[in-house]
Protein backbone atom coordinates (compact mmCIF):
# COMPACT_ATOMS: atom_id res chain seq x y z
CA UNK A 1 94.25 109.32 97.97
CA UNK A 2 93.77 111.19 101.82
CA UNK A 3 93.88 109.25 104.75
CA UNK A 4 90.40 110.47 104.97
CA UNK A 5 89.22 108.33 102.05
CA UNK A 6 87.23 104.61 101.62
CA UNK A 7 89.81 102.81 99.94
CA UNK A 8 88.82 102.23 96.43
CA UNK A 9 87.10 98.93 94.67
CA UNK A 10 90.76 97.85 93.40
CA UNK A 11 92.86 98.59 96.46
CA UNK A 12 90.64 96.27 98.81
CA UNK A 13 90.46 93.68 95.68
CA UNK A 14 94.34 94.08 96.26
CA UNK A 15 93.94 92.94 100.24
CA UNK A 16 91.20 90.98 99.53
CA UNK A 17 93.16 89.18 97.60
CA UNK A 18 96.66 88.54 99.77
CA UNK A 19 94.87 87.69 102.64
CA UNK A 20 93.16 85.03 100.31
CA UNK A 21 96.06 83.78 100.15
CA UNK A 22 97.46 84.27 103.45
CA UNK A 23 94.26 82.10 104.16
CA UNK A 24 94.88 79.28 101.77
CA UNK A 25 98.72 79.09 103.19
CA UNK A 26 97.97 79.19 106.05
CA UNK A 27 99.47 82.27 108.87
CA UNK A 28 102.32 81.18 109.77
CA UNK A 29 105.83 83.54 109.48
CA UNK A 30 107.03 82.73 105.70
CA UNK A 31 103.74 81.95 104.04
CA UNK A 32 103.13 86.17 105.30
CA UNK A 33 105.98 86.66 104.22
CA UNK A 34 105.60 84.99 100.42
CA UNK A 35 102.13 85.97 100.34
CA UNK A 36 101.16 89.48 101.79
CA UNK A 37 103.88 91.03 99.94
CA UNK A 38 105.92 94.40 100.69
CA UNK A 39 101.83 96.52 100.43
CA UNK A 40 100.99 94.42 103.65
CA UNK A 41 104.40 94.49 105.50
CA UNK A 42 104.63 98.57 105.19
CA UNK A 43 101.23 99.92 106.10
CA UNK A 44 101.39 102.23 108.85
CA UNK A 45 99.30 100.13 111.03
CA UNK A 46 101.72 97.45 111.29
CA UNK A 47 105.31 99.93 111.43
CA UNK A 48 103.49 100.70 114.78
CA UNK A 49 103.05 97.74 116.56
CA UNK A 50 106.99 96.51 115.00
CA UNK A 51 107.64 99.25 118.32
CA UNK A 52 105.16 99.09 120.90
CA UNK A 53 105.48 98.18 124.13
CA UNK A 54 109.29 97.40 124.77
CA UNK A 55 108.71 93.88 122.27
CA UNK A 56 110.08 93.87 118.99
CA UNK A 57 107.89 92.53 116.47
CA UNK A 58 108.60 91.77 112.50
CA UNK A 59 106.77 93.50 110.14
CA UNK A 60 105.42 89.43 109.04
CA UNK A 61 104.35 88.95 113.08
CA UNK A 62 103.02 92.87 112.96
CA UNK A 63 100.35 91.52 110.43
CA UNK A 64 99.14 88.91 112.10
CA UNK A 65 98.80 90.53 114.90
CA UNK A 66 96.69 92.90 113.24
CA UNK A 67 94.98 91.08 111.26
CA UNK A 68 94.05 88.39 114.32
CA UNK A 69 92.92 91.91 116.22
CA UNK A 70 90.92 92.85 113.37
CA UNK A 71 89.48 89.60 113.21
CA UNK A 72 88.32 89.21 117.91
CA UNK A 73 86.60 93.03 117.55
CA UNK A 74 83.63 90.85 115.47
CA UNK A 75 84.36 87.24 116.77
CA UNK A 76 80.96 87.12 118.01
CA UNK A 77 79.54 87.12 114.43
CA UNK A 78 79.79 84.57 112.45
CA UNK A 79 82.26 86.50 109.39
CA UNK A 80 84.83 86.46 112.51
CA UNK A 81 84.12 82.80 113.81
CA UNK A 82 85.14 82.06 109.75
CA UNK A 83 88.42 84.26 109.84
CA UNK A 84 89.17 82.40 112.95
CA UNK A 85 88.98 79.19 111.57
CA UNK A 86 90.78 79.71 108.31
CA UNK A 87 93.13 82.26 109.28
CA UNK A 88 94.26 80.59 112.35
CA UNK A 89 97.49 80.74 114.01
CA UNK A 90 97.58 78.97 116.25
CA UNK A 91 97.62 74.08 115.46
CA UNK A 92 94.67 75.17 112.56
CA UNK A 93 97.39 76.43 110.54
CA UNK A 94 98.73 73.11 110.11
CA UNK A 95 95.62 71.51 109.00
CA UNK A 96 94.48 71.42 104.78
CA UNK A 97 92.63 74.51 103.72
CA UNK A 98 89.50 72.25 102.78
CA UNK A 99 89.32 71.46 106.53
CA UNK A 100 89.88 74.84 107.58
CA UNK A 101 86.75 75.50 105.92
CA UNK A 102 84.18 72.59 106.76
CA UNK A 103 85.71 73.26 110.62
CA UNK A 104 84.05 77.35 109.92
CA UNK A 105 81.19 75.65 108.21
CA UNK A 106 80.33 73.89 111.76
CA UNK A 107 80.91 76.94 113.33
CA UNK A 108 79.75 79.72 111.73
CA UNK A 109 75.99 79.36 112.81
CA UNK A 110 76.95 78.06 116.04
CA UNK A 111 76.25 75.12 115.94
CA UNK A 112 72.63 75.62 115.17
CA UNK A 113 73.45 74.68 111.17
CA UNK A 114 76.57 73.01 109.17
CA UNK A 115 78.08 74.50 105.91
CA UNK A 116 79.78 72.83 103.69
CA UNK A 117 83.73 74.03 103.29
CA UNK A 118 82.44 74.41 99.05
CA UNK A 119 79.78 77.29 100.33
CA UNK A 120 82.18 78.43 102.93
CA UNK A 121 84.52 78.64 99.97
CA UNK A 122 82.91 80.11 97.33
CA UNK A 123 80.21 82.89 99.12
CA UNK A 124 81.34 83.20 102.79
CA UNK A 125 85.17 82.86 102.74
CA UNK A 126 84.97 86.24 100.47
CA UNK A 127 82.46 88.05 102.02
CA UNK A 128 83.80 87.76 105.56
CA UNK A 129 87.74 88.47 103.91
CA UNK A 130 86.10 91.54 102.33
CA UNK A 131 84.55 92.24 105.42
CA UNK A 132 88.17 92.01 106.80
CA UNK A 133 90.16 94.34 104.80
CA UNK A 134 87.84 97.14 105.31
CA UNK A 135 88.51 97.49 108.83
CA UNK A 136 92.45 97.07 108.15
CA UNK A 137 91.90 100.35 105.72
CA UNK A 138 90.25 101.63 108.23
CA UNK A 139 93.07 101.37 111.06
CA UNK A 140 95.64 101.99 108.41
CA UNK A 141 94.03 105.39 107.76
CA UNK A 142 94.19 105.66 111.08
CA UNK A 143 97.18 104.94 112.08
CA UNK A 144 98.68 107.56 109.43
CA UNK A 145 96.11 110.54 111.35
């Protein structure tokens, strides 16, 4: 596949599965290392951050930065708020996945309506992760150009 082509469904699914594991286990460096695998850590958009701005980032730190930058771009949307909760790397990362999903259910509609953790997990989270995976892949192709 060339750098300008849209990624295949299979590639998106691979990214989505790895992102889902990160969501389940939290966005800590050991978890990124254990669950992201080399495919995400070797992306050009991750590697380009490793030496930028005079600071050295590990591949794991750069991947987390890429993910959080992409989430920040959609932070005003329900999927962005959901992703900010389930892929948090601050003190929320210490919470169990179910609690992060419960919290995502509260912020999804800005508190106007609460969604159950189960609905977040089965319906909204997979779609939000797919959206994030597509954004990261677009960023990857731009980094390769």
